[in-house]
Amino acid sequence: MRVRHARERAAILRIICEEMNNTAIDADDVWDAGGMGCGELVIHLKFRLREMPGKVLRLIALDTGAPADIPAYCRMTGNRLEHTDTETCSYWIRAKTPTSN
């Protein structure tokens, strides 16, 4: 059962990646975290955002906890969640600058 769901998610992700992004928010970088779980995801996210202060990262995260975890992470760390698109499992996050808290 899990394998089937993983294949379905992978197929959906391929479709998403092939489509044009219709949102008005431009991203400076895109990271496809796939089905990476929250613990590992936020560790990698922390380092990615640290390398791009003030810029916007489009994160694609398929983990079922992401809709709750990503906004909470942004609130706790001072990064700004600019936009969320549940259809594409995408989150646009503006990385905080060294002087912003």
N, C-alpha and C. Protein backbone atom coordinates (compact mmCIF):
# COMPACT_ATOMS: atom_id res chain seq x y z
N MET A 1 0.82 -1.19 0.00
CA MET A 1 0.00 0.00 0.00
C MET A 1 0.87 1.26 0.00
N ARG A 2 1.91 1.29 0.85
CA ARG A 2 2.78 2.46 0.92
C ARG A 2 3.50 2.71 -0.40
N VAL A 3 3.89 1.62 -1.06
CA VAL A 3 4.60 1.75 -2.33
C VAL A 3 3.70 2.40 -3.37
N ARG A 4 2.42 1.99 -3.38
CA ARG A 4 1.49 2.57 -4.33
C ARG A 4 1.34 4.06 -4.08
N HIS A 5 1.19 4.44 -2.81
CA HIS A 5 1.05 5.86 -2.48
C HIS A 5 2.30 6.64 -2.85
N ALA A 6 3.45 6.05 -2.63
CA ALA A 6 4.71 6.72 -2.99
C ALA A 6 4.79 6.93 -4.50
N ARG A 7 4.37 5.92 -5.26
CA ARG A 7 4.37 6.06 -6.72
C ARG A 7 3.39 7.12 -7.17
N GLU A 8 2.22 7.16 -6.55
CA GLU A 8 1.23 8.18 -6.90
C GLU A 8 1.76 9.56 -6.59
N ARG A 9 2.38 9.73 -5.44
CA ARG A 9 2.95 11.04 -5.08
C ARG A 9 4.04 11.44 -6.05
N ALA A 10 4.88 10.48 -6.43
CA ALA A 10 5.96 10.78 -7.38
C ALA A 10 5.39 11.20 -8.73
N ALA A 11 4.32 10.54 -9.15
CA ALA A 11 3.69 10.91 -10.43
C ALA A 11 3.10 12.31 -10.35
N ILE A 12 2.45 12.62 -9.23
CA ILE A 12 1.87 13.94 -9.04
C ILE A 12 2.97 15.00 -9.05
N LEU A 13 4.07 14.71 -8.38
CA LEU A 13 5.18 15.66 -8.32
C LEU A 13 5.76 15.92 -9.70
N ARG A 14 5.89 14.88 -10.51
CA ARG A 14 6.39 15.08 -11.87
C ARG A 14 5.48 16.00 -12.66
N ILE A 15 4.17 15.82 -12.50
CA ILE A 15 3.21 16.69 -13.20
C ILE A 15 3.36 18.12 -12.72
N ILE A 16 3.48 18.30 -11.43
CA ILE A 16 3.62 19.63 -10.85
C ILE A 16 4.86 20.31 -11.39
N CYS A 17 5.96 19.59 -11.42
CA CYS A 17 7.22 20.17 -11.87
C CYS A 17 7.19 20.53 -13.34
N GLU A 18 6.39 19.83 -14.12
CA GLU A 18 6.31 20.11 -15.55
C GLU A 18 5.42 21.31 -15.85
N GLU A 19 4.49 21.60 -14.96
CA GLU A 19 3.57 22.71 -15.20
C GLU A 19 4.25 24.04 -14.93
N MET A 20 3.76 25.06 -15.58
CA MET A 20 4.24 26.41 -15.29
C MET A 20 3.64 26.86 -13.97
N ASN A 21 4.41 27.63 -13.24
CA ASN A 21 3.92 28.17 -11.98
C ASN A 21 3.10 29.41 -12.29
N ASN A 22 1.81 29.39 -11.95
CA ASN A 22 0.91 30.49 -12.27
C ASN A 22 0.82 31.54 -11.18
N THR A 23 1.58 31.41 -10.15
CA THR A 23 1.51 32.38 -9.06
C THR A 23 2.31 33.64 -9.42
N ALA A 24 1.93 34.74 -8.82
CA ALA A 24 2.60 36.01 -9.08
C ALA A 24 3.91 36.14 -8.29
N ILE A 25 4.17 35.22 -7.39
CA ILE A 25 5.36 35.30 -6.56
C ILE A 25 6.52 34.60 -7.26
N ASP A 26 7.57 35.36 -7.51
CA ASP A 26 8.76 34.78 -8.13
C ASP A 26 9.65 34.22 -7.04
N ALA A 27 10.30 33.12 -7.34
CA ALA A 27 11.23 32.52 -6.40
C ALA A 27 12.64 32.67 -6.94
N ASP A 28 13.57 32.91 -6.02
CA ASP A 28 14.97 33.00 -6.39
C ASP A 28 15.58 31.61 -6.55
N ASP A 29 14.98 30.64 -5.89
CA ASP A 29 15.46 29.26 -5.96
C ASP A 29 14.28 28.34 -5.68
N VAL A 30 14.37 27.09 -6.15
CA VAL A 30 13.34 26.08 -5.93
C VAL A 30 14.02 24.86 -5.34
N TRP A 31 13.41 24.32 -4.29
CA TRP A 31 13.92 23.09 -3.70
C TRP A 31 12.79 22.09 -3.61
N ASP A 32 12.96 20.95 -4.24
CA ASP A 32 12.00 19.87 -4.19
C ASP A 32 12.44 18.90 -3.10
N ALA A 33 11.79 18.98 -1.94
CA ALA A 33 12.13 18.11 -0.83
C ALA A 33 11.40 16.77 -0.90
N GLY A 34 10.52 16.61 -1.90
CA GLY A 34 9.80 15.35 -2.06
C GLY A 34 9.04 14.98 -0.80
N GLY A 35 9.13 13.73 -0.39
CA GLY A 35 8.43 13.25 0.79
C GLY A 35 9.28 13.27 2.05
N MET A 36 10.36 14.05 2.04
CA MET A 36 11.25 14.14 3.20
C MET A 36 10.46 14.50 4.45
N GLY A 37 10.70 13.80 5.53
CA GLY A 37 10.00 14.05 6.78
C GLY A 37 10.41 15.34 7.43
N CYS A 38 9.60 15.79 8.37
CA CYS A 38 9.77 17.10 9.00
C CYS A 38 11.15 17.31 9.61
N GLY A 39 11.62 16.36 10.37
CA GLY A 39 12.91 16.54 11.05
C GLY A 39 14.05 16.82 10.09
N GLU A 40 14.18 15.97 9.09
CA GLU A 40 15.24 16.14 8.11
C GLU A 40 15.00 17.37 7.25
N LEU A 41 13.73 17.61 6.90
CA LEU A 41 13.37 18.74 6.05
C LEU A 41 13.78 20.07 6.69
N VAL A 42 13.44 20.28 7.95
CA VAL A 42 13.74 21.58 8.56
C VAL A 42 15.23 21.80 8.76
N ILE A 43 15.99 20.72 8.94
CA ILE A 43 17.44 20.89 9.05
C ILE A 43 18.01 21.39 7.72
N HIS A 44 17.61 20.74 6.62
CA HIS A 44 18.08 21.17 5.31
C HIS A 44 17.56 22.57 4.97
N LEU A 45 16.30 22.83 5.32
CA LEU A 45 15.69 24.13 5.05
C LEU A 45 16.44 25.24 5.76
N LYS A 46 16.81 25.01 6.99
CA LYS A 46 17.55 26.00 7.77
C LYS A 46 18.82 26.44 7.04
N PHE A 47 19.59 25.48 6.54
CA PHE A 47 20.85 25.80 5.87
C PHE A 47 20.61 26.45 4.51
N ARG A 48 19.59 26.02 3.80
CA ARG A 48 19.28 26.63 2.50
C ARG A 48 18.90 28.10 2.67
N LEU A 49 18.02 28.37 3.63
CA LEU A 49 17.57 29.76 3.85
C LEU A 49 18.71 30.63 4.35
N ARG A 50 19.57 30.08 5.15
CA ARG A 50 20.71 30.85 5.68
C ARG A 50 21.61 31.34 4.55
N GLU A 51 21.68 30.58 3.45
CA GLU A 51 22.53 30.93 2.32
C GLU A 51 21.90 31.96 1.38
N MET A 52 20.65 32.35 1.62
CA MET A 52 19.97 33.26 0.70
C MET A 52 19.17 34.34 1.44
N PRO A 53 19.80 35.12 2.30
CA PRO A 53 19.09 36.13 3.08
C PRO A 53 18.30 37.11 2.21
N GLY A 54 17.05 37.31 2.58
CA GLY A 54 16.19 38.27 1.89
C GLY A 54 15.58 37.74 0.60
N LYS A 55 15.99 36.56 0.17
CA LYS A 55 15.49 35.99 -1.08
C LYS A 55 14.37 35.00 -0.80
N VAL A 56 13.67 34.62 -1.88
CA VAL A 56 12.51 33.73 -1.76
C VAL A 56 12.86 32.34 -2.28
N LEU A 57 12.56 31.35 -1.46
CA LEU A 57 12.72 29.95 -1.81
C LEU A 57 11.34 29.34 -2.02
N ARG A 58 11.15 28.67 -3.14
CA ARG A 58 9.94 27.88 -3.33
C ARG A 58 10.28 26.46 -2.90
N LEU A 59 9.63 26.02 -1.84
CA LEU A 59 9.82 24.68 -1.31
C LEU A 59 8.66 23.82 -1.76
N ILE A 60 8.96 22.66 -2.32
CA ILE A 60 7.93 21.68 -2.65
C ILE A 60 8.10 20.54 -1.67
N ALA A 61 7.09 20.31 -0.85
CA ALA A 61 7.16 19.30 0.20
C ALA A 61 5.89 18.46 0.21
N LEU A 62 6.05 17.15 0.01
CA LEU A 62 4.91 16.24 -0.06
C LEU A 62 4.56 15.59 1.27
N ASP A 63 5.41 15.73 2.26
CA ASP A 63 5.13 15.13 3.56
C ASP A 63 3.78 15.59 4.08
N THR A 64 2.99 14.68 4.64
CA THR A 64 1.65 15.03 5.10
C THR A 64 1.65 16.05 6.24
N GLY A 65 2.75 16.16 6.96
CA GLY A 65 2.84 17.13 8.04
C GLY A 65 3.26 18.52 7.60
N ALA A 66 3.69 18.65 6.36
CA ALA A 66 4.22 19.94 5.87
C ALA A 66 3.23 21.10 5.99
N PRO A 67 1.93 20.92 5.70
CA PRO A 67 1.02 22.07 5.81
C PRO A 67 0.98 22.70 7.22
N ALA A 68 1.27 21.92 8.23
CA ALA A 68 1.33 22.46 9.59
C ALA A 68 2.76 22.83 9.98
N ASP A 69 3.70 21.99 9.56
CA ASP A 69 5.10 22.17 9.99
C ASP A 69 5.78 23.38 9.38
N ILE A 70 5.56 23.64 8.10
CA ILE A 70 6.27 24.73 7.43
C ILE A 70 5.86 26.10 7.99
N PRO A 71 4.55 26.40 8.13
CA PRO A 71 4.18 27.68 8.74
C PRO A 71 4.71 27.82 10.17
N ALA A 72 4.67 26.74 10.94
CA ALA A 72 5.17 26.79 12.32
C ALA A 72 6.67 27.06 12.33
N TYR A 73 7.40 26.40 11.45
CA TYR A 73 8.84 26.61 11.35
C TYR A 73 9.15 28.08 11.03
N CYS A 74 8.41 28.63 10.08
CA CYS A 74 8.64 30.03 9.70
C CYS A 74 8.36 30.98 10.86
N ARG A 75 7.28 30.74 11.59
CA ARG A 75 6.97 31.59 12.75
C ARG A 75 8.06 31.51 13.80
N MET A 76 8.58 30.32 14.04
CA MET A 76 9.57 30.14 15.10
C MET A 76 10.95 30.66 14.72
N THR A 77 11.24 30.74 13.43
CA THR A 77 12.59 31.11 13.00
C THR A 77 12.70 32.54 12.47
N GLY A 78 11.57 33.21 12.23
CA GLY A 78 11.63 34.57 11.72
C GLY A 78 11.68 34.67 10.20
N ASN A 79 11.62 33.52 9.52
CA ASN A 79 11.50 33.54 8.06
C ASN A 79 10.03 33.79 7.74
N ARG A 80 9.76 34.42 6.60
CA ARG A 80 8.38 34.80 6.29
C ARG A 80 7.78 33.88 5.23
N LEU A 81 6.67 33.26 5.57
CA LEU A 81 5.94 32.44 4.61
C LEU A 81 5.11 33.39 3.75
N GLU A 82 5.52 33.56 2.50
CA GLU A 82 4.89 34.52 1.60
C GLU A 82 3.62 33.97 0.98
N HIS A 83 3.61 32.68 0.65
CA HIS A 83 2.47 32.11 -0.07
C HIS A 83 2.52 30.60 0.07
N THR A 84 1.35 29.99 0.06
CA THR A 84 1.22 28.54 0.08
C THR A 84 0.26 28.13 -1.03
N ASP A 85 0.60 27.09 -1.74
CA ASP A 85 -0.28 26.53 -2.77
C ASP A 85 -0.46 25.05 -2.47
N THR A 86 -1.61 24.69 -1.91
CA THR A 86 -1.85 23.31 -1.52
C THR A 86 -1.95 22.36 -2.71
N GLU A 87 -2.36 22.86 -3.85
CA GLU A 87 -2.48 22.00 -5.03
C GLU A 87 -1.13 21.51 -5.51
N THR A 88 -0.11 22.34 -5.38
CA THR A 88 1.23 21.95 -5.84
C THR A 88 2.16 21.61 -4.68
N CYS A 89 1.63 21.59 -3.46
CA CYS A 89 2.43 21.31 -2.26
C CYS A 89 3.62 22.25 -2.17
N SER A 90 3.40 23.53 -2.52
CA SER A 90 4.48 24.51 -2.59
C SER A 90 4.34 25.58 -1.51
N TYR A 91 5.49 26.03 -1.03
CA TYR A 91 5.57 27.06 0.00
C TYR A 91 6.63 28.05 -0.43
N TRP A 92 6.28 29.31 -0.52
CA TRP A 92 7.23 30.37 -0.87
C TRP A 92 7.66 31.02 0.43
N ILE A 93 8.94 30.91 0.74
CA ILE A 93 9.48 31.38 2.01
C ILE A 93 10.54 32.44 1.74
N ARG A 94 10.35 33.62 2.35
CA ARG A 94 11.37 34.67 2.25
C ARG A 94 12.32 34.49 3.43
N ALA A 95 13.57 34.27 3.12
CA ALA A 95 14.58 34.05 4.15
C ALA A 95 14.83 35.34 4.90
N LYS A 96 14.94 35.21 6.20
CA LYS A 96 15.20 36.41 7.00
C LYS A 96 16.59 36.93 6.70
N THR A 97 16.75 38.21 6.92
CA THR A 97 18.07 38.84 6.77
C THR A 97 18.77 38.79 8.13
N PRO A 98 20.07 38.93 8.16
CA PRO A 98 20.79 38.86 9.44
C PRO A 98 20.28 39.87 10.48
N THR A 99 19.73 41.00 10.03
CA THR A 99 19.25 42.01 10.97
C THR A 99 17.79 41.84 11.33
N SER A 100 17.04 41.02 10.59
CA SER A 100 15.62 40.84 10.90
C SER A 100 15.42 39.73 11.89
N ASN A 101 14.41 39.87 12.75
CA ASN A 101 14.10 38.84 13.75
C ASN A 101 12.66 38.51 13.75
